[in-house]
Amino acid sequence: MLDMGKRGKKLIEREKLFALWVTAYPEQLRPKLILGRFKGAPNWWENKTLDVDKAQWGGEVAAAKLTQYL
């Protein structure tokens, strides 16, 4: 990182950083990812409301709420 004062910071040696990330990802980050399948009660989301400042619906739930179709 290069500190550019009031203009913020600038990333230098991007290619080197990317190469390091590519080699380190499968060894360090990927094993830490927790993967699993999760299932909630059917239609649990239909009567739930979200605080719009903290969260938004996405995917099929958002489509169903917008179109009342799913």
PDB file of N, CA and C in Angstrom:
ATOM      1  N   MET A   1       0.841  -1.182   0.000  1.00  0.00           N
ATOM      2  CA  MET A   1       0.000   0.000   0.000  1.00  0.00           C
ATOM      3  C   MET A   1       0.880   1.237   0.000  1.00  0.00           C
ATOM      4  N   LEU A   2       0.456   2.177  -0.749  1.00  0.00           N
ATOM      5  CA  LEU A   2       1.156   3.443  -0.812  1.00  0.00           C
ATOM      6  C   LEU A   2       0.227   4.509  -0.265  1.00  0.00           C
ATOM      7  N   ASP A   3       0.638   5.200   0.781  1.00  0.00           N
ATOM      8  CA  ASP A   3      -0.162   6.262   1.380  1.00  0.00           C
ATOM      9  C   ASP A   3      -0.025   7.512   0.523  1.00  0.00           C
ATOM     10  N   MET A   4      -1.170   7.993  -0.003  1.00  0.00           N
ATOM     11  CA  MET A   4      -1.163   9.161  -0.876  1.00  0.00           C
ATOM     12  C   MET A   4      -1.721  10.385  -0.169  1.00  0.00           C
ATOM     13  N   GLY A   5      -1.617  10.422   1.144  1.00  0.00           N
ATOM     14  CA  GLY A   5      -2.076  11.569   1.917  1.00  0.00           C
ATOM     15  C   GLY A   5      -3.584  11.712   1.884  1.00  0.00           C
ATOM     16  N   LYS A   6      -4.070  12.895   1.551  1.00  0.00           N
ATOM     17  CA  LYS A   6      -5.511  13.174   1.536  1.00  0.00           C
ATOM     18  C   LYS A   6      -6.244  12.388   0.461  1.00  0.00           C
ATOM     19  N   ARG A   7      -5.523  11.921  -0.549  1.00  0.00           N
ATOM     20  CA  ARG A   7      -6.162  11.164  -1.634  1.00  0.00           C
ATOM     21  C   ARG A   7      -6.350   9.694  -1.283  1.00  0.00           C
ATOM     22  N   GLY A   8      -5.962   9.297  -0.102  1.00  0.00           N
ATOM     23  CA  GLY A   8      -6.168   7.924   0.346  1.00  0.00           C
ATOM     24  C   GLY A   8      -4.959   7.045   0.120  1.00  0.00           C
ATOM     25  N   LYS A   9      -5.212   5.779  -0.111  1.00  0.00           N
ATOM     26  CA  LYS A   9      -4.137   4.808  -0.305  1.00  0.00           C
ATOM     27  C   LYS A   9      -4.282   4.168  -1.676  1.00  0.00           C
ATOM     28  N   LYS A  10      -3.157   3.726  -2.204  1.00  0.00           N
ATOM     29  CA  LYS A  10      -3.146   3.109  -3.524  1.00  0.00           C
ATOM     30  C   LYS A  10      -2.475   1.748  -3.409  1.00  0.00           C
ATOM     31  N   LEU A  11      -3.064   0.757  -4.031  1.00  0.00           N
ATOM     32  CA  LEU A  11      -2.513  -0.586  -4.026  1.00  0.00           C
ATOM     33  C   LEU A  11      -1.402  -0.663  -5.064  1.00  0.00           C
ATOM     34  N   ILE A  12      -0.225  -1.088  -4.617  1.00  0.00           N
ATOM     35  CA  ILE A  12       0.892  -1.263  -5.542  1.00  0.00           C
ATOM     36  C   ILE A  12       1.225  -2.744  -5.620  1.00  0.00           C
ATOM     37  N   GLU A  13       1.914  -3.156  -6.650  1.00  0.00           N
ATOM     38  CA  GLU A  13       2.276  -4.553  -6.879  1.00  0.00           C
ATOM     39  C   GLU A  13       1.042  -5.457  -6.860  1.00  0.00           C
ATOM     40  N   ARG A  14       0.037  -5.070  -7.622  1.00  0.00           N
ATOM     41  CA  ARG A  14      -1.216  -5.829  -7.666  1.00  0.00           C
ATOM     42  C   ARG A  14      -1.014  -7.259  -8.147  1.00  0.00           C
ATOM     43  N   GLU A  15      -0.184  -7.429  -9.180  1.00  0.00           N
ATOM     44  CA  GLU A  15       0.039  -8.770  -9.718  1.00  0.00           C
ATOM     45  C   GLU A  15       0.685  -9.684  -8.679  1.00  0.00           C
ATOM     46  N   LYS A  16       1.637  -9.152  -7.914  1.00  0.00           N
ATOM     47  CA  LYS A  16       2.295  -9.938  -6.874  1.00  0.00           C
ATOM     48  C   LYS A  16       1.302 -10.332  -5.772  1.00  0.00           C
ATOM     49  N   LEU A  17       0.456  -9.393  -5.385  1.00  0.00           N
ATOM     50  CA  LEU A  17      -0.561  -9.676  -4.379  1.00  0.00           C
ATOM     51  C   LEU A  17      -1.526 -10.751  -4.872  1.00  0.00           C
ATOM     52  N   PHE A  18      -1.942 -10.642  -6.132  1.00  0.00           N
ATOM     53  CA  PHE A  18      -2.858 -11.623  -6.696  1.00  0.00           C
ATOM     54  C   PHE A  18      -2.212 -13.010  -6.731  1.00  0.00           C
ATOM     55  N   ALA A  19      -0.951 -13.080  -7.140  1.00  0.00           N
ATOM     56  CA  ALA A  19      -0.248 -14.365  -7.183  1.00  0.00           C
ATOM     57  C   ALA A  19      -0.156 -14.982  -5.790  1.00  0.00           C
ATOM     58  N   LEU A  20       0.123 -14.174  -4.792  1.00  0.00           N
ATOM     59  CA  LEU A  20       0.178 -14.685  -3.416  1.00  0.00           C
ATOM     60  C   LEU A  20      -1.187 -15.187  -2.963  1.00  0.00           C
ATOM     61  N   TRP A  21      -2.227 -14.468  -3.314  1.00  0.00           N
ATOM     62  CA  TRP A  21      -3.580 -14.877  -2.925  1.00  0.00           C
ATOM     63  C   TRP A  21      -3.945 -16.201  -3.574  1.00  0.00           C
ATOM     64  N   VAL A  22      -3.625 -16.328  -4.872  1.00  0.00           N
ATOM     65  CA  VAL A  22      -3.963 -17.554  -5.599  1.00  0.00           C
ATOM     66  C   VAL A  22      -3.284 -18.771  -4.975  1.00  0.00           C
ATOM     67  N   THR A  23      -2.042 -18.626  -4.576  1.00  0.00           N
ATOM     68  CA  THR A  23      -1.346 -19.772  -3.983  1.00  0.00           C
ATOM     69  C   THR A  23      -1.782 -20.030  -2.544  1.00  0.00           C
ATOM     70  N   ALA A  24      -2.122 -19.000  -1.809  1.00  0.00           N
ATOM     71  CA  ALA A  24      -2.479 -19.175  -0.398  1.00  0.00           C
ATOM     72  C   ALA A  24      -3.937 -19.589  -0.198  1.00  0.00           C
ATOM     73  N   TYR A  25      -4.822 -19.251  -1.128  1.00  0.00           N
ATOM     74  CA  TYR A  25      -6.252 -19.538  -0.944  1.00  0.00           C
ATOM     75  C   TYR A  25      -6.538 -21.013  -0.654  1.00  0.00           C
ATOM     76  N   PRO A  26      -6.087 -21.944  -1.501  1.00  0.00           N
ATOM     77  CA  PRO A  26      -6.443 -23.345  -1.221  1.00  0.00           C
ATOM     78  C   PRO A  26      -5.803 -23.908   0.041  1.00  0.00           C
ATOM     79  N   GLU A  27      -4.700 -23.329   0.472  1.00  0.00           N
ATOM     80  CA  GLU A  27      -3.998 -23.858   1.642  1.00  0.00           C
ATOM     81  C   GLU A  27      -4.469 -23.227   2.950  1.00  0.00           C
ATOM     82  N   GLN A  28      -4.846 -21.951   2.918  1.00  0.00           N
ATOM     83  CA  GLN A  28      -5.132 -21.237   4.161  1.00  0.00           C
ATOM     84  C   GLN A  28      -6.597 -20.830   4.312  1.00  0.00           C
ATOM     85  N   LEU A  29      -7.178 -20.203   3.307  1.00  0.00           N
ATOM     86  CA  LEU A  29      -8.537 -19.691   3.460  1.00  0.00           C
ATOM     87  C   LEU A  29      -9.598 -20.759   3.235  1.00  0.00           C
ATOM     88  N   ARG A  30      -9.493 -21.498   2.170  1.00  0.00           N
ATOM     89  CA  ARG A  30     -10.545 -22.455   1.834  1.00  0.00           C
ATOM     90  C   ARG A  30     -10.815 -23.470   2.938  1.00  0.00           C
ATOM     91  N   PRO A  31      -9.792 -24.026   3.586  1.00  0.00           N
ATOM     92  CA  PRO A  31     -10.078 -24.978   4.666  1.00  0.00           C
ATOM     93  C   PRO A  31     -10.847 -24.365   5.838  1.00  0.00           C
ATOM     94  N   LYS A  32     -10.809 -23.040   5.974  1.00  0.00           N
ATOM     95  CA  LYS A  32     -11.507 -22.385   7.077  1.00  0.00           C
ATOM     96  C   LYS A  32     -12.972 -22.100   6.758  1.00  0.00           C
ATOM     97  N   LEU A  33     -13.342 -22.207   5.481  1.00  0.00           N
ATOM     98  CA  LEU A  33     -14.731 -21.954   5.106  1.00  0.00           C
ATOM     99  C   LEU A  33     -15.610 -23.089   5.603  1.00  0.00           C
ATOM    100  N   ILE A  34     -16.671 -22.728   6.246  1.00  0.00           N
ATOM    101  CA  ILE A  34     -17.594 -23.726   6.771  1.00  0.00           C
ATOM    102  C   ILE A  34     -18.717 -23.891   5.756  1.00  0.00           C
ATOM    103  N   LEU A  35     -18.767 -25.053   5.159  1.00  0.00           N
ATOM    104  CA  LEU A  35     -19.798 -25.328   4.176  1.00  0.00           C
ATOM    105  C   LEU A  35     -20.792 -26.308   4.761  1.00  0.00           C
ATOM    106  N   GLY A  36     -22.044 -26.114   4.434  1.00  0.00           N
ATOM    107  CA  GLY A  36     -23.049 -27.028   4.923  1.00  0.00           C
ATOM    108  C   GLY A  36     -24.382 -26.737   4.269  1.00  0.00           C
ATOM    109  N   ARG A  37     -25.316 -27.580   4.505  1.00  0.00           N
ATOM    110  CA  ARG A  37     -26.677 -27.391   3.998  1.00  0.00           C
ATOM    111  C   ARG A  37     -27.567 -27.103   5.194  1.00  0.00           C
ATOM    112  N   PHE A  38     -28.382 -26.106   5.047  1.00  0.00           N
ATOM    113  CA  PHE A  38     -29.250 -25.694   6.134  1.00  0.00           C
ATOM    114  C   PHE A  38     -30.679 -25.635   5.625  1.00  0.00           C
ATOM    115  N   LYS A  39     -31.623 -25.988   6.475  1.00  0.00           N
ATOM    116  CA  LYS A  39     -33.013 -26.016   6.064  1.00  0.00           C
ATOM    117  C   LYS A  39     -33.870 -25.467   7.192  1.00  0.00           C
ATOM    118  N   GLY A  40     -34.720 -24.521   6.850  1.00  0.00           N
ATOM    119  CA  GLY A  40     -35.639 -23.959   7.825  1.00  0.00           C
ATOM    120  C   GLY A  40     -37.034 -24.521   7.629  1.00  0.00           C
ATOM    121  N   ALA A  41     -37.928 -24.119   8.465  1.00  0.00           N
ATOM    122  CA  ALA A  41     -39.321 -24.552   8.325  1.00  0.00           C
ATOM    123  C   ALA A  41     -39.891 -23.998   7.021  1.00  0.00           C
ATOM    124  N   PRO A  42     -40.803 -24.715   6.385  1.00  0.00           N
ATOM    125  CA  PRO A  42     -41.392 -24.238   5.132  1.00  0.00           C
ATOM    126  C   PRO A  42     -42.057 -22.864   5.309  1.00  0.00           C
ATOM    127  N   ASN A  43     -41.796 -21.995   4.380  1.00  0.00           N
ATOM    128  CA  ASN A  43     -42.408 -20.657   4.320  1.00  0.00           C
ATOM    129  C   ASN A  43     -42.197 -19.831   5.590  1.00  0.00           C
ATOM    130  N   TRP A  44     -41.114 -20.031   6.280  1.00  0.00           N
ATOM    131  CA  TRP A  44     -40.824 -19.298   7.511  1.00  0.00           C
ATOM    132  C   TRP A  44     -40.710 -17.804   7.271  1.00  0.00           C
ATOM    133  N   TRP A  45     -40.367 -17.430   6.076  1.00  0.00           N
ATOM    134  CA  TRP A  45     -40.073 -16.040   5.731  1.00  0.00           C
ATOM    135  C   TRP A  45     -41.318 -15.210   5.410  1.00  0.00           C
ATOM    136  N   GLU A  46     -42.452 -15.861   5.189  1.00  0.00           N
ATOM    137  CA  GLU A  46     -43.633 -15.140   4.703  1.00  0.00           C
ATOM    138  C   GLU A  46     -44.125 -14.052   5.657  1.00  0.00           C
ATOM    139  N   ASN A  47     -44.044 -14.265   6.948  1.00  0.00           N
ATOM    140  CA  ASN A  47     -44.552 -13.284   7.913  1.00  0.00           C
ATOM    141  C   ASN A  47     -43.440 -12.553   8.651  1.00  0.00           C
ATOM    142  N   LYS A  48     -42.216 -12.687   8.174  1.00  0.00           N
ATOM    143  CA  LYS A  48     -41.077 -12.008   8.795  1.00  0.00           C
ATOM    144  C   LYS A  48     -40.880 -10.642   8.148  1.00  0.00           C
ATOM    145  N   THR A  49     -40.450  -9.687   8.952  1.00  0.00           N
ATOM    146  CA  THR A  49     -40.097  -8.375   8.421  1.00  0.00           C
ATOM    147  C   THR A  49     -38.645  -8.095   8.783  1.00  0.00           C
ATOM    148  N   LEU A  50     -37.974  -7.374   7.915  1.00  0.00           N
ATOM    149  CA  LEU A  50     -36.575  -7.038   8.136  1.00  0.00           C
ATOM    150  C   LEU A  50     -36.429  -5.551   8.359  1.00  0.00           C
ATOM    151  N   ASP A  51     -35.475  -5.164   9.178  1.00  0.00           N
ATOM    152  CA  ASP A  51     -35.114  -3.760   9.348  1.00  0.00           C
ATOM    153  C   ASP A  51     -34.336  -3.366   8.091  1.00  0.00           C
ATOM    154  N   VAL A  52     -34.910  -2.484   7.259  1.00  0.00           N
ATOM    155  CA  VAL A  52     -34.306  -2.150   5.966  1.00  0.00           C
ATOM    156  C   VAL A  52     -32.936  -1.510   6.092  1.00  0.00           C
ATOM    157  N   ASP A  53     -32.597  -0.991   7.256  1.00  0.00           N
ATOM    158  CA  ASP A  53     -31.265  -0.423   7.459  1.00  0.00           C
ATOM    159  C   ASP A  53     -30.219  -1.493   7.764  1.00  0.00           C
ATOM    160  N   LYS A  54     -30.678  -2.700   8.069  1.00  0.00           N
ATOM    161  CA  LYS A  54     -29.745  -3.751   8.462  1.00  0.00           C
ATOM    162  C   LYS A  54     -29.719  -4.945   7.516  1.00  0.00           C
ATOM    163  N   ALA A  55     -30.789  -5.203   6.785  1.00  0.00           N
ATOM    164  CA  ALA A  55     -30.838  -6.390   5.936  1.00  0.00           C
ATOM    165  C   ALA A  55     -31.867  -6.212   4.836  1.00  0.00           C
ATOM    166  N   GLN A  56     -31.719  -6.995   3.790  1.00  0.00           N
ATOM    167  CA  GLN A  56     -32.675  -7.017   2.696  1.00  0.00           C
ATOM    168  C   GLN A  56     -32.863  -8.459   2.240  1.00  0.00           C
ATOM    169  N   TRP A  57     -34.050  -8.754   1.745  1.00  0.00           N
ATOM    170  CA  TRP A  57     -34.311 -10.074   1.207  1.00  0.00           C
ATOM    171  C   TRP A  57     -33.589 -10.216  -0.118  1.00  0.00           C
ATOM    172  N   GLY A  58     -33.188 -11.433  -0.455  1.00  0.00           N
ATOM    173  CA  GLY A  58     -32.553 -11.710  -1.730  1.00  0.00           C
ATOM    174  C   GLY A  58     -33.058 -13.016  -2.298  1.00  0.00           C
ATOM    175  N   GLY A  59     -32.685 -13.306  -3.516  1.00  0.00           N
ATOM    176  CA  GLY A  59     -32.997 -14.574  -4.161  1.00  0.00           C
ATOM    177  C   GLY A  59     -34.480 -14.845  -4.298  1.00  0.00           C
ATOM    178  N   GLU A  60     -34.851 -16.100  -4.062  1.00  0.00           N
ATOM    179  CA  GLU A  60     -36.235 -16.528  -4.258  1.00  0.00           C
ATOM    180  C   GLU A  60     -37.199 -15.834  -3.306  1.00  0.00           C
ATOM    181  N   VAL A  61     -36.762 -15.550  -2.082  1.00  0.00           N
ATOM    182  CA  VAL A  61     -37.638 -14.870  -1.123  1.00  0.00           C
ATOM    183  C   VAL A  61     -37.976 -13.474  -1.631  1.00  0.00           C
ATOM    184  N   ALA A  62     -36.990 -12.746  -2.123  1.00  0.00           N
ATOM    185  CA  ALA A  62     -37.233 -11.402  -2.658  1.00  0.00           C
ATOM    186  C   ALA A  62     -38.168 -11.467  -3.856  1.00  0.00           C
ATOM    187  N   ALA A  63     -37.938 -12.433  -4.739  1.00  0.00           N
ATOM    188  CA  ALA A  63     -38.796 -12.573  -5.915  1.00  0.00           C
ATOM    189  C   ALA A  63     -40.230 -12.873  -5.507  1.00  0.00           C
ATOM    190  N   ALA A  64     -40.406 -13.749  -4.543  1.00  0.00           N
ATOM    191  CA  ALA A  64     -41.751 -14.100  -4.083  1.00  0.00           C
ATOM    192  C   ALA A  64     -42.446 -12.895  -3.454  1.00  0.00           C
ATOM    193  N   LYS A  65     -41.719 -12.129  -2.680  1.00  0.00           N
ATOM    194  CA  LYS A  65     -42.330 -10.961  -2.040  1.00  0.00           C
ATOM    195  C   LYS A  65     -42.674  -9.878  -3.058  1.00  0.00           C
ATOM    196  N   LEU A  66     -41.862  -9.741  -4.098  1.00  0.00           N
ATOM    197  CA  LEU A  66     -42.133  -8.722  -5.127  1.00  0.00           C
ATOM    198  C   LEU A  66     -43.272  -9.123  -6.061  1.00  0.00           C
ATOM    199  N   THR A  67     -43.327 -10.399  -6.419  1.00  0.00           N
ATOM    200  CA  THR A  67     -44.290 -10.827  -7.449  1.00  0.00           C
ATOM    201  C   THR A  67     -45.488 -11.574  -6.896  1.00  0.00           C
ATOM    202  N   GLN A  68     -45.411 -11.999  -5.623  1.00  0.00           N
ATOM    203  CA  GLN A  68     -46.448 -12.857  -5.022  1.00  0.00           C
ATOM    204  C   GLN A  68     -46.715 -14.074  -5.907  1.00  0.00           C
ATOM    205  N   TYR A  69     -45.658 -14.622  -6.511  1.00  0.00           N
ATOM    206  CA  TYR A  69     -45.828 -15.718  -7.477  1.00  0.00           C
ATOM    207  C   TYR A  69     -45.252 -17.051  -7.022  1.00  0.00           C
ATOM    208  N   LEU A  70     -44.136 -17.052  -6.321  1.00  0.00           N
ATOM    209  CA  LEU A  70     -43.502 -18.335  -5.977  1.00  0.00           C
ATOM    210  C   LEU A  70     -44.253 -19.065  -4.899  1.00  0.00           C
TER     211      LEU A  70
END
